[in-house]
Protein backbone atom coordinates (compact mmCIF):
# COMPACT_ATOMS: atom_id res chain seq x y z
CA MET A 1 -9.32 2.93 -19.38
CA ALA A 2 -11.83 1.99 -22.05
CA GLU A 3 -14.88 4.23 -22.31
CA PHE A 4 -18.37 2.79 -21.83
CA ASP A 5 -20.47 5.93 -21.66
CA GLY A 6 -24.11 4.97 -22.09
CA LYS A 7 -23.36 1.26 -22.56
CA VAL A 8 -25.59 -1.23 -20.77
CA VAL A 9 -23.57 -3.92 -19.02
CA GLN A 10 -24.86 -7.05 -17.29
CA ILE A 11 -22.64 -8.77 -14.70
CA THR A 12 -23.40 -11.96 -12.78
CA GLY A 13 -21.57 -12.73 -9.55
CA ALA A 14 -21.40 -9.00 -8.91
CA ALA A 15 -21.36 -9.01 -5.10
CA SER A 16 -17.65 -9.74 -4.73
CA GLY A 17 -14.40 -10.56 -6.50
CA PHE A 18 -13.99 -9.85 -10.19
CA GLY A 19 -17.69 -9.07 -10.59
CA ALA A 20 -17.81 -6.30 -7.99
CA MET A 21 -14.55 -4.77 -9.20
CA ALA A 22 -15.63 -4.89 -12.84
CA ALA A 23 -18.95 -3.25 -11.95
CA THR A 24 -17.09 -0.39 -10.28
CA GLU A 25 -14.78 0.12 -13.26
CA PHE A 26 -17.67 0.05 -15.73
CA ALA A 27 -19.57 2.55 -13.59
CA ARG A 28 -16.59 4.89 -13.51
CA ALA A 29 -16.42 4.62 -17.31
CA GLY A 30 -20.07 5.68 -17.70
CA ALA A 31 -21.93 2.37 -18.05
CA LYS A 32 -25.44 1.52 -16.90
CA LEU A 33 -25.46 -1.73 -14.96
CA MET A 34 -27.57 -4.86 -14.60
CA LEU A 35 -26.17 -6.80 -11.65
CA SER A 36 -27.01 -10.13 -10.05
CA ASP A 37 -25.66 -12.41 -7.35
CA ILE A 38 -27.05 -15.05 -5.02
CA ASN A 39 -25.68 -12.97 -2.12
CA GLY A 40 -28.43 -10.36 -1.85
CA ASP A 41 -26.89 -8.37 1.01
CA GLY A 42 -23.52 -8.12 -0.71
CA LEU A 43 -25.19 -7.18 -3.98
CA ASP A 44 -27.22 -4.42 -2.32
CA GLU A 45 -24.05 -2.94 -0.86
CA VAL A 46 -22.31 -2.97 -4.24
CA ALA A 47 -25.36 -1.38 -5.89
CA ARG A 48 -25.50 1.40 -3.29
CA ASN A 49 -21.82 2.15 -3.76
CA LEU A 50 -22.22 2.33 -7.53
CA GLU A 51 -25.27 4.58 -7.28
CA SER A 52 -23.20 6.90 -5.09
CA LEU A 53 -20.84 7.18 -8.07
CA GLY A 54 -23.80 8.27 -10.21
CA ALA A 55 -24.38 4.94 -11.96
CA GLU A 56 -27.84 3.67 -12.90
CA VAL A 57 -28.22 0.15 -11.53
CA VAL A 58 -30.68 -2.72 -11.75
CA ALA A 59 -29.78 -5.31 -9.11
CA ASP A 60 -31.48 -8.66 -8.47
CA ALA A 61 -30.56 -11.43 -6.04
CA LEU A 62 -30.80 -14.72 -7.94
CA SER A 63 -29.07 -17.96 -8.81
CA VAL A 64 -27.63 -18.02 -12.31
CA ALA A 65 -28.89 -21.61 -12.54
CA ASP A 66 -32.50 -20.36 -12.27
CA ASP A 67 -33.68 -19.92 -15.85
CA THR A 68 -36.89 -18.10 -14.93
CA ALA A 69 -35.14 -15.64 -12.61
CA MET A 70 -32.41 -14.88 -15.14
CA ARG A 71 -34.93 -14.27 -17.92
CA ALA A 72 -36.88 -11.91 -15.67
CA HIS A 73 -33.71 -10.06 -14.64
CA ILE A 74 -32.64 -9.47 -18.23
CA GLU A 75 -36.14 -8.42 -19.29
CA LYS A 76 -36.28 -5.99 -16.36
CA GLY A 77 -32.95 -4.44 -17.29
CA VAL A 78 -33.78 -4.18 -20.99
CA ASP A 79 -37.17 -2.66 -20.16
CA ARG A 80 -35.41 0.03 -18.12
CA PHE A 81 -32.37 0.72 -20.29
CA GLY A 82 -33.63 -0.25 -23.75
CA ARG A 83 -30.81 -2.58 -24.72
CA LEU A 84 -27.99 -4.87 -23.59
CA ASP A 85 -24.56 -4.10 -24.99
CA ILE A 86 -22.22 -6.20 -22.86
CA ALA A 87 -22.69 -9.27 -20.66
CA LEU A 88 -20.18 -10.75 -18.24
CA ASN A 89 -21.20 -14.25 -17.18
CA ASN A 90 -18.90 -14.20 -14.20
CA ALA A 91 -20.64 -16.06 -11.36
CA GLY A 92 -18.88 -19.22 -10.24
CA ILE A 93 -17.94 -21.45 -7.32
CA GLY A 94 -14.83 -23.49 -6.57
CA GLY A 95 -15.95 -26.54 -4.65
CA GLY A 96 -12.74 -27.14 -2.70
CA LEU A 97 -9.81 -29.48 -3.25
CA ALA A 98 -10.34 -33.23 -3.52
CA ARG A 99 -9.27 -36.15 -5.66
CA LEU A 100 -11.88 -37.17 -8.22
CA PRO A 101 -13.17 -40.30 -6.37
CA ASP A 102 -13.62 -38.24 -3.21
CA ILE A 103 -15.82 -35.54 -4.74
CA PRO A 104 -19.45 -36.09 -3.67
CA LEU A 105 -21.91 -36.25 -6.56
CA ASP A 106 -23.97 -33.42 -5.10
CA THR A 107 -20.83 -31.23 -5.04
CA TYR A 108 -20.13 -32.08 -8.69
CA ASP A 109 -23.75 -31.30 -9.61
CA GLN A 110 -23.67 -27.95 -7.80
CA ILE A 111 -20.43 -26.89 -9.49
CA MET A 112 -21.79 -27.79 -12.92
CA GLN A 113 -25.11 -26.08 -12.19
CA ILE A 114 -23.51 -22.75 -11.32
CA ASN A 115 -20.38 -22.69 -13.46
CA ALA A 116 -21.60 -24.35 -16.65
CA LYS A 117 -25.39 -24.29 -16.69
CA GLY A 118 -25.32 -20.73 -15.31
CA VAL A 119 -23.30 -19.54 -18.31
CA PHE A 120 -25.57 -21.45 -20.69
CA ILE A 121 -28.67 -19.85 -19.17
CA GLY A 122 -27.09 -16.41 -19.28
CA MET A 123 -26.27 -16.66 -22.99
CA ARG A 124 -29.65 -18.28 -23.66
CA HIS A 125 -31.32 -15.00 -22.71
CA GLN A 126 -28.60 -12.49 -23.63
CA LEU A 127 -28.13 -13.60 -27.21
CA PRO A 128 -31.73 -13.01 -28.41
CA VAL A 129 -31.54 -9.40 -27.16
CA MET A 130 -28.20 -8.84 -28.90
CA LEU A 131 -29.33 -10.56 -32.08
CA LYS A 132 -32.33 -8.22 -32.26
CA GLN A 133 -29.96 -5.25 -31.83
CA GLY A 134 -27.41 -6.62 -34.28
CA ALA A 135 -24.60 -5.95 -31.81
CA GLY A 136 -23.19 -7.04 -28.48
CA SER A 137 -20.26 -8.53 -26.62
CA ILE A 138 -20.32 -11.43 -24.16
CA LEU A 139 -17.45 -12.42 -21.88
CA ASN A 140 -17.61 -15.67 -19.95
CA THR A 141 -15.36 -16.17 -16.93
CA ALA A 142 -13.65 -19.51 -17.42
CA SER A 143 -10.31 -20.36 -15.80
CA ALA A 144 -6.83 -21.63 -16.52
CA ALA A 145 -8.36 -24.86 -15.18
CA GLY A 146 -10.51 -24.86 -18.31
CA LEU A 147 -7.40 -25.08 -20.49
CA VAL A 148 -5.24 -27.62 -18.67
CA GLY A 149 -5.62 -30.54 -16.29
CA SER A 150 -5.98 -29.40 -12.68
CA GLY A 151 -5.40 -32.11 -10.12
CA GLN A 152 -7.83 -32.11 -7.18
CA LEU A 153 -10.08 -29.71 -9.10
CA SER A 154 -11.63 -32.13 -11.57
CA ALA A 155 -15.25 -31.01 -11.16
CA TYR A 156 -14.26 -27.34 -11.33
CA ALA A 157 -12.02 -28.02 -14.34
CA ALA A 158 -14.84 -29.89 -16.08
CA SER A 159 -17.18 -26.94 -15.59
CA LYS A 160 -14.65 -24.46 -16.95
CA HIS A 161 -13.82 -26.65 -19.96
CA ALA A 162 -17.56 -26.59 -20.62
CA VAL A 163 -17.59 -22.79 -20.46
CA ILE A 164 -14.84 -22.61 -23.07
CA GLY A 165 -16.68 -25.06 -25.32
CA MET A 166 -19.91 -23.07 -25.10
CA THR A 167 -18.00 -19.85 -25.76
CA LYS A 168 -16.51 -21.19 -28.98
CA ALA A 169 -19.80 -22.67 -30.17
CA ALA A 170 -21.78 -19.50 -29.47
CA ALA A 171 -19.12 -17.32 -31.08
CA ASP A 172 -19.35 -19.37 -34.27
CA GLU A 173 -23.13 -19.10 -34.30
CA VAL A 174 -23.29 -15.31 -34.01
CA ALA A 175 -20.03 -14.02 -35.52
CA ARG A 176 -21.84 -12.88 -38.66
CA LYS A 177 -24.51 -11.12 -36.60
CA GLY A 178 -22.31 -8.44 -35.05
CA ILE A 179 -21.88 -10.23 -31.71
CA ARG A 180 -18.60 -11.29 -30.13
CA VAL A 181 -18.32 -14.06 -27.51
CA ASN A 182 -15.08 -14.67 -25.63
CA ALA A 183 -13.84 -16.24 -22.42
CA ILE A 184 -11.27 -15.05 -19.91
CA CYS A 185 -9.12 -17.63 -18.15
CA PRO A 186 -7.50 -16.33 -14.96
CA SER A 187 -5.31 -18.55 -12.82
CA PHE A 188 -4.87 -17.53 -9.19
CA ALA A 189 -5.84 -14.03 -8.04
CA SER A 190 -6.45 -12.47 -4.65
CA THR A 191 -10.19 -13.15 -4.66
CA PRO A 192 -12.41 -14.79 -2.01
CA MET A 193 -12.40 -18.05 -4.00
CA VAL A 194 -8.59 -18.33 -4.01
CA GLU A 195 -8.40 -17.20 -0.39
CA ALA A 196 -10.73 -20.09 0.50
CA MET A 197 -8.53 -22.45 -1.50
CA GLY A 198 -5.48 -21.22 0.42
CA ASP A 199 -7.24 -21.81 3.73
CA ALA A 200 -8.18 -25.34 2.68
CA MET A 201 -4.61 -26.09 1.60
CA GLY A 202 -3.30 -24.72 4.88
CA GLU A 203 -5.56 -27.00 6.87
CA ARG A 204 -4.74 -30.02 4.73
CA HIS A 205 -0.98 -29.57 4.95
CA GLY A 206 -0.86 -28.18 8.47
CA VAL A 207 0.78 -24.91 7.45
CA SER A 208 -0.04 -21.25 7.95
CA ARG A 209 -2.23 -19.27 5.56
CA ASP A 210 0.83 -17.37 4.28
CA ASP A 211 2.68 -20.62 3.62
CA ALA A 212 -0.37 -22.00 1.81
CA TYR A 213 -0.53 -18.93 -0.40
CA GLY A 214 3.17 -19.39 -1.09
CA MET A 215 2.41 -22.93 -2.25
CA ILE A 216 -0.22 -21.59 -4.64
CA ALA A 217 2.09 -18.88 -5.98
CA SER A 218 4.89 -21.43 -6.51
CA ARG A 219 2.78 -23.08 -9.24
CA VAL A 220 2.81 -19.85 -11.29
CA PRO A 221 5.93 -19.06 -13.38
CA MET A 222 5.76 -15.43 -12.23
CA ARG A 223 5.78 -16.77 -8.65
CA ARG A 224 2.84 -14.65 -7.54
CA VAL A 225 -0.92 -14.51 -7.74
CA ALA A 226 -2.65 -11.80 -9.72
CA ASP A 227 -3.97 -8.57 -8.36
CA PRO A 228 -7.68 -8.86 -9.30
CA MET A 229 -7.49 -5.52 -11.08
CA GLU A 230 -5.04 -7.06 -13.57
CA VAL A 231 -7.81 -9.44 -14.59
CA VAL A 232 -10.58 -6.83 -14.48
CA GLN A 233 -8.72 -4.45 -16.78
CA ALA A 234 -8.33 -7.29 -19.28
CA MET A 235 -12.07 -7.96 -19.00
CA LEU A 236 -12.88 -4.37 -19.87
CA TRP A 237 -10.58 -4.35 -22.87
CA ILE A 238 -11.90 -7.65 -24.24
CA VAL A 239 -15.50 -6.36 -24.35
CA SER A 240 -14.64 -2.80 -25.41
CA ASP A 241 -15.05 -1.11 -28.77
CA ALA A 242 -11.23 -1.00 -28.92
CA ASN A 243 -11.28 -4.76 -29.52
CA THR A 244 -13.64 -5.57 -32.36
CA PHE A 245 -12.03 -8.51 -34.23
CA MET A 246 -11.66 -11.00 -31.37
CA THR A 247 -14.28 -13.68 -30.92
CA GLY A 248 -14.35 -17.31 -29.83
CA GLN A 249 -11.13 -16.87 -27.87
CA SER A 250 -10.06 -18.05 -24.41
CA ILE A 251 -7.70 -15.41 -23.07
CA SER A 252 -5.28 -16.52 -20.36
CA ILE A 253 -4.40 -14.04 -17.63
CA ASP A 254 -2.34 -16.49 -15.64
CA GLY A 255 1.23 -15.41 -14.98
CA GLY A 256 2.44 -18.02 -17.46
CA LEU A 257 0.70 -21.00 -15.84
CA THR A 258 -0.65 -22.46 -19.07
CA ALA A 259 2.56 -21.75 -20.99
CA VAL A 260 4.47 -24.60 -19.35
């Protein structure tokens, strides 16, 4: 495991899934944490668990699409800890399965607000702190759907393509300033978002949840979904001091999905 003793790490979408697991791993490795999620109750539970491990935590319930709230959250964390070393812009929503003409405009707008605008707002306030320090590492959670076409996920895919574009642009802007910006692109993992997708597929095709998950896994060359920890460990390595020459990259953790 990479060491993060004394590092200050911000994570959005920290109440569940990759965000909650990453927060736990960073805490175990000695990091101080700035956590946010729109799910305040879930976030409070995660924060309590991390504090029981001895971690110092700033936790705020907010929407990543709220520019004022995100600015205040980052200012609060920097005021307490003095700096911001690592940021994981991880919050995101799926939006369900539907063909493009059947996606309501308000659903499209919500997906873009959280998945794309949320990452933009995060970096909008993280980068000035890191530029002042002359150091930092940002990791944006994109998706394999941001690298390839994803039928019945067009709004989600559009949002994740946007994340990858912003990642590359930001990385180019700050590469000479000691700051790295990368994206991670998981495919299917055992997270609440994929579980919800499996349930929706099961209902649509009239099959059991297990059969629906089998349909999802059949799309992956490895014929399985990821254990979330496989993705989280990659997250930690990407932002760690063991990986100092990677920036502007979109790293696939996808069981071979984007290789074919």
